[in-house]
Amino acid sequence: MNIFIAGLSYGINDADLNELFAEYGEISSAKVIMDRETGRSKGFGFIEMADEAQGQKAIDDLNGAEYENRTLSVSVARPRTERSSYEGNRNNSYNRY
């Protein structure tokens, strides 16, 4: 189960995120999304848990919880949607006279 976590502090790293979820079961991966320019957390990340029931327990327990003085928002991660170049430029494609 892939889990999305928002509301993370900007000082958190992958190991911290792994530790936060470790009590809920086996973690396949823990990834904090980092800003390329500053190298600090963007405030969100993803956890992949092997067992769906354990993942749901983690979501239920940690959604709305306080961690490092921040309120977490924890949910099932949704697949990223692809945007075509047409959709991204829909309003700018043509000049209007």
N, C-alpha and C. Protein backbone atom coordinates (compact mmCIF):
# COMPACT_ATOMS: atom_id res chain seq x y z
N MET A 1 0.85 -1.17 0.00
CA MET A 1 0.00 0.00 0.00
C MET A 1 0.90 1.24 0.00
N ASN A 2 0.59 2.17 -0.90
CA ASN A 2 1.35 3.41 -1.00
C ASN A 2 0.60 4.49 -0.24
N ILE A 3 1.29 5.17 0.68
CA ILE A 3 0.69 6.14 1.57
C ILE A 3 1.33 7.51 1.34
N PHE A 4 0.48 8.54 1.27
CA PHE A 4 0.92 9.93 1.10
C PHE A 4 0.86 10.62 2.46
N ILE A 5 1.93 11.33 2.80
CA ILE A 5 2.01 12.05 4.08
C ILE A 5 2.32 13.51 3.78
N ALA A 6 1.46 14.42 4.23
CA ALA A 6 1.69 15.86 4.09
C ALA A 6 1.76 16.48 5.49
N GLY A 7 2.32 17.67 5.56
CA GLY A 7 2.44 18.36 6.84
C GLY A 7 3.71 18.01 7.58
N LEU A 8 4.68 17.44 6.88
CA LEU A 8 5.95 17.09 7.50
C LEU A 8 6.80 18.35 7.73
N SER A 9 7.64 18.31 8.74
CA SER A 9 8.55 19.43 8.98
C SER A 9 9.59 19.47 7.86
N TYR A 10 10.18 20.63 7.66
CA TYR A 10 11.15 20.79 6.58
C TYR A 10 12.51 20.18 6.90
N GLY A 11 12.70 19.74 8.14
CA GLY A 11 13.97 19.11 8.51
C GLY A 11 13.94 17.60 8.47
N ILE A 12 12.81 17.00 8.12
CA ILE A 12 12.66 15.54 8.16
C ILE A 12 13.39 14.88 6.98
N ASN A 13 13.86 13.66 7.19
CA ASN A 13 14.50 12.91 6.12
C ASN A 13 13.86 11.52 6.01
N ASP A 14 14.33 10.72 5.06
CA ASP A 14 13.75 9.39 4.82
C ASP A 14 13.80 8.50 6.07
N ALA A 15 14.91 8.54 6.79
CA ALA A 15 15.06 7.70 7.99
C ALA A 15 14.05 8.09 9.07
N ASP A 16 13.80 9.40 9.23
CA ASP A 16 12.81 9.87 10.20
C ASP A 16 11.41 9.37 9.83
N LEU A 17 11.09 9.46 8.55
CA LEU A 17 9.78 9.02 8.08
C LEU A 17 9.62 7.51 8.28
N ASN A 18 10.67 6.77 7.99
CA ASN A 18 10.67 5.32 8.20
C ASN A 18 10.43 5.00 9.68
N GLU A 19 11.10 5.71 10.55
CA GLU A 19 10.96 5.49 12.00
C GLU A 19 9.53 5.79 12.47
N LEU A 20 8.92 6.83 11.93
CA LEU A 20 7.56 7.20 12.30
C LEU A 20 6.56 6.09 12.00
N PHE A 21 6.76 5.40 10.88
CA PHE A 21 5.82 4.36 10.45
C PHE A 21 6.24 2.95 10.86
N ALA A 22 7.45 2.76 11.36
CA ALA A 22 7.99 1.43 11.64
C ALA A 22 7.13 0.61 12.61
N GLU A 23 6.49 1.25 13.57
CA GLU A 23 5.71 0.51 14.55
C GLU A 23 4.45 -0.12 13.95
N TYR A 24 4.09 0.27 12.72
CA TYR A 24 2.88 -0.24 12.09
C TYR A 24 3.10 -1.46 11.21
N GLY A 25 4.35 -1.78 10.93
CA GLY A 25 4.62 -2.98 10.13
C GLY A 25 5.79 -2.78 9.19
N GLU A 26 5.92 -3.74 8.28
CA GLU A 26 7.05 -3.76 7.34
C GLU A 26 6.92 -2.63 6.33
N ILE A 27 7.99 -1.87 6.20
CA ILE A 27 8.03 -0.75 5.26
C ILE A 27 8.93 -1.13 4.09
N SER A 28 8.37 -1.04 2.89
CA SER A 28 9.15 -1.35 1.69
C SER A 28 10.01 -0.16 1.29
N SER A 29 9.48 1.06 1.47
CA SER A 29 10.26 2.26 1.16
C SER A 29 9.67 3.46 1.88
N ALA A 30 10.54 4.42 2.17
CA ALA A 30 10.14 5.69 2.78
C ALA A 30 10.87 6.78 2.02
N LYS A 31 10.10 7.74 1.50
CA LYS A 31 10.72 8.79 0.68
C LYS A 31 10.13 10.15 1.01
N VAL A 32 10.97 11.04 1.50
CA VAL A 32 10.59 12.44 1.70
C VAL A 32 10.97 13.17 0.42
N ILE A 33 10.05 13.93 -0.12
CA ILE A 33 10.32 14.67 -1.35
C ILE A 33 11.10 15.94 -0.99
N MET A 34 12.25 16.07 -1.64
CA MET A 34 13.18 17.15 -1.33
C MET A 34 13.21 18.20 -2.44
N ASP A 35 13.43 19.45 -2.04
CA ASP A 35 13.60 20.54 -2.98
C ASP A 35 14.99 20.42 -3.61
N ARG A 36 15.06 20.43 -4.91
CA ARG A 36 16.35 20.25 -5.61
C ARG A 36 17.33 21.38 -5.31
N GLU A 37 16.82 22.58 -5.17
CA GLU A 37 17.70 23.73 -4.98
C GLU A 37 18.19 23.87 -3.54
N THR A 38 17.29 23.69 -2.57
CA THR A 38 17.67 23.91 -1.17
C THR A 38 18.12 22.63 -0.46
N GLY A 39 17.69 21.47 -0.99
CA GLY A 39 18.04 20.20 -0.36
C GLY A 39 17.22 19.90 0.89
N ARG A 40 16.20 20.72 1.17
CA ARG A 40 15.38 20.44 2.35
C ARG A 40 14.03 19.86 1.91
N SER A 41 13.35 19.27 2.87
CA SER A 41 12.06 18.65 2.63
C SER A 41 11.06 19.65 2.06
N LYS A 42 10.20 19.17 1.16
CA LYS A 42 9.11 19.99 0.65
C LYS A 42 7.88 19.87 1.55
N GLY A 43 7.96 19.07 2.61
CA GLY A 43 6.87 18.95 3.55
C GLY A 43 5.92 17.80 3.27
N PHE A 44 6.30 16.94 2.32
CA PHE A 44 5.48 15.75 2.07
C PHE A 44 6.35 14.59 1.63
N GLY A 45 5.76 13.39 1.70
CA GLY A 45 6.51 12.20 1.33
C GLY A 45 5.59 11.02 1.14
N PHE A 46 6.21 9.86 0.91
CA PHE A 46 5.47 8.64 0.64
C PHE A 46 6.07 7.47 1.41
N ILE A 47 5.19 6.58 1.85
CA ILE A 47 5.59 5.34 2.49
C ILE A 47 4.96 4.21 1.71
N GLU A 48 5.70 3.18 1.45
CA GLU A 48 5.17 1.96 0.84
C GLU A 48 5.21 0.88 1.90
N MET A 49 4.02 0.36 2.25
CA MET A 49 3.94 -0.70 3.26
C MET A 49 3.51 -2.00 2.58
N ALA A 50 4.12 -3.10 3.03
CA ALA A 50 3.87 -4.40 2.42
C ALA A 50 2.46 -4.90 2.68
N ASP A 51 1.93 -4.64 3.86
CA ASP A 51 0.63 -5.17 4.26
C ASP A 51 -0.42 -4.06 4.26
N GLU A 52 -1.50 -4.27 3.52
CA GLU A 52 -2.54 -3.25 3.40
C GLU A 52 -3.24 -2.95 4.72
N ALA A 53 -3.50 -3.97 5.52
CA ALA A 53 -4.16 -3.76 6.82
C ALA A 53 -3.27 -2.92 7.75
N GLN A 54 -1.98 -3.19 7.75
CA GLN A 54 -1.05 -2.41 8.56
C GLN A 54 -0.97 -0.97 8.05
N GLY A 55 -0.99 -0.81 6.73
CA GLY A 55 -0.98 0.52 6.14
C GLY A 55 -2.22 1.31 6.52
N GLN A 56 -3.38 0.65 6.49
CA GLN A 56 -4.62 1.33 6.86
C GLN A 56 -4.60 1.72 8.33
N LYS A 57 -4.04 0.88 9.18
CA LYS A 57 -3.91 1.19 10.62
C LYS A 57 -3.03 2.43 10.81
N ALA A 58 -1.93 2.50 10.07
CA ALA A 58 -1.04 3.66 10.14
C ALA A 58 -1.78 4.93 9.71
N ILE A 59 -2.55 4.84 8.62
CA ILE A 59 -3.33 5.99 8.15
C ILE A 59 -4.31 6.43 9.24
N ASP A 60 -5.06 5.46 9.77
CA ASP A 60 -6.07 5.77 10.78
C ASP A 60 -5.46 6.43 12.02
N ASP A 61 -4.30 5.92 12.46
CA ASP A 61 -3.66 6.44 13.67
C ASP A 61 -2.93 7.77 13.46
N LEU A 62 -2.31 7.94 12.30
CA LEU A 62 -1.44 9.10 12.11
C LEU A 62 -2.10 10.29 11.41
N ASN A 63 -3.21 10.08 10.72
CA ASN A 63 -3.90 11.20 10.09
C ASN A 63 -4.43 12.14 11.17
N GLY A 64 -3.98 13.39 11.14
CA GLY A 64 -4.37 14.38 12.14
C GLY A 64 -3.48 14.39 13.37
N ALA A 65 -2.51 13.49 13.43
CA ALA A 65 -1.60 13.43 14.58
C ALA A 65 -0.57 14.55 14.51
N GLU A 66 -0.03 14.92 15.67
CA GLU A 66 1.04 15.91 15.75
C GLU A 66 2.39 15.20 15.65
N TYR A 67 3.29 15.74 14.84
CA TYR A 67 4.65 15.21 14.73
C TYR A 67 5.57 16.40 14.50
N GLU A 68 6.52 16.58 15.42
CA GLU A 68 7.44 17.72 15.36
C GLU A 68 6.68 19.04 15.23
N ASN A 69 5.65 19.20 16.08
CA ASN A 69 4.83 20.42 16.14
C ASN A 69 4.08 20.74 14.85
N ARG A 70 3.81 19.71 14.04
CA ARG A 70 3.04 19.89 12.81
C ARG A 70 1.95 18.84 12.78
N THR A 71 0.82 19.17 12.19
CA THR A 71 -0.29 18.23 12.06
C THR A 71 -0.16 17.49 10.75
N LEU A 72 -0.10 16.17 10.84
CA LEU A 72 0.06 15.33 9.65
C LEU A 72 -1.27 15.10 8.94
N SER A 73 -1.20 15.01 7.64
CA SER A 73 -2.32 14.58 6.81
C SER A 73 -1.85 13.31 6.11
N VAL A 74 -2.47 12.18 6.45
CA VAL A 74 -2.02 10.89 5.96
C VAL A 74 -3.17 10.21 5.23
N SER A 75 -2.92 9.75 4.01
CA SER A 75 -3.97 9.11 3.21
C SER A 75 -3.36 8.13 2.21
N VAL A 76 -4.22 7.34 1.60
CA VAL A 76 -3.77 6.45 0.53
C VAL A 76 -3.31 7.34 -0.62
N ALA A 77 -2.14 7.04 -1.16
CA ALA A 77 -1.61 7.83 -2.28
C ALA A 77 -2.39 7.51 -3.54
N ARG A 78 -2.72 8.55 -4.28
CA ARG A 78 -3.39 8.37 -5.56
C ARG A 78 -2.35 8.36 -6.67
N PRO A 79 -2.59 7.60 -7.72
CA PRO A 79 -1.64 7.60 -8.84
C PRO A 79 -1.52 8.98 -9.46
N ARG A 80 -0.34 9.30 -9.90
CA ARG A 80 -0.10 10.57 -10.55
C ARG A 80 -0.77 10.55 -11.92
N THR A 81 -1.44 11.60 -12.28
CA THR A 81 -2.09 11.65 -13.59
C THR A 81 -1.16 12.34 -14.57
N GLU A 82 -1.19 11.85 -15.78
CA GLU A 82 -0.38 12.43 -16.85
C GLU A 82 -1.13 13.59 -17.47
N ARG A 83 -0.44 14.67 -17.70
CA ARG A 83 -1.04 15.82 -18.39
C ARG A 83 -0.40 15.95 -19.75
N SER A 84 -1.21 16.03 -20.77
CA SER A 84 -0.66 16.23 -22.11
C SER A 84 -0.21 17.69 -22.24
N SER A 85 0.64 17.96 -23.20
CA SER A 85 1.09 19.33 -23.40
C SER A 85 -0.08 20.21 -23.83
N TYR A 86 -1.07 19.61 -24.50
CA TYR A 86 -2.25 20.38 -24.91
C TYR A 86 -3.02 20.87 -23.68
N GLU A 87 -3.22 20.00 -22.70
CA GLU A 87 -3.96 20.39 -21.49
C GLU A 87 -3.23 21.49 -20.74
N GLY A 88 -1.92 21.39 -20.68
CA GLY A 88 -1.15 22.39 -19.95
C GLY A 88 -1.16 23.75 -20.61
N ASN A 89 -1.35 23.78 -21.93
CA ASN A 89 -1.32 25.05 -22.66
C ASN A 89 -2.65 25.39 -23.30
N ARG A 90 -3.70 24.78 -22.83
CA ARG A 90 -5.02 24.94 -23.44
C ARG A 90 -5.40 26.41 -23.61
N ASN A 91 -5.15 27.22 -22.62
CA ASN A 91 -5.58 28.62 -22.69
C ASN A 91 -4.58 29.51 -23.41
N ASN A 92 -3.42 29.01 -23.71
CA ASN A 92 -2.40 29.83 -24.33
C ASN A 92 -2.04 29.38 -25.74
N SER A 93 -2.80 28.45 -26.29
CA SER A 93 -2.44 27.86 -27.56
C SER A 93 -2.65 28.78 -28.75
N TYR A 94 -3.66 29.63 -28.67
CA TYR A 94 -3.99 30.47 -29.81
C TYR A 94 -4.07 31.93 -29.40
N ASN A 95 -3.59 32.78 -30.28
CA ASN A 95 -3.78 34.21 -30.06
C ASN A 95 -5.17 34.58 -30.51
N ARG A 96 -5.84 35.40 -29.76
CA ARG A 96 -7.18 35.84 -30.15
C ARG A 96 -7.10 37.30 -30.56
N TYR A 97 -7.73 37.59 -31.71
CA TYR A 97 -7.69 38.96 -32.24
C TYR A 97 -8.99 39.66 -32.00
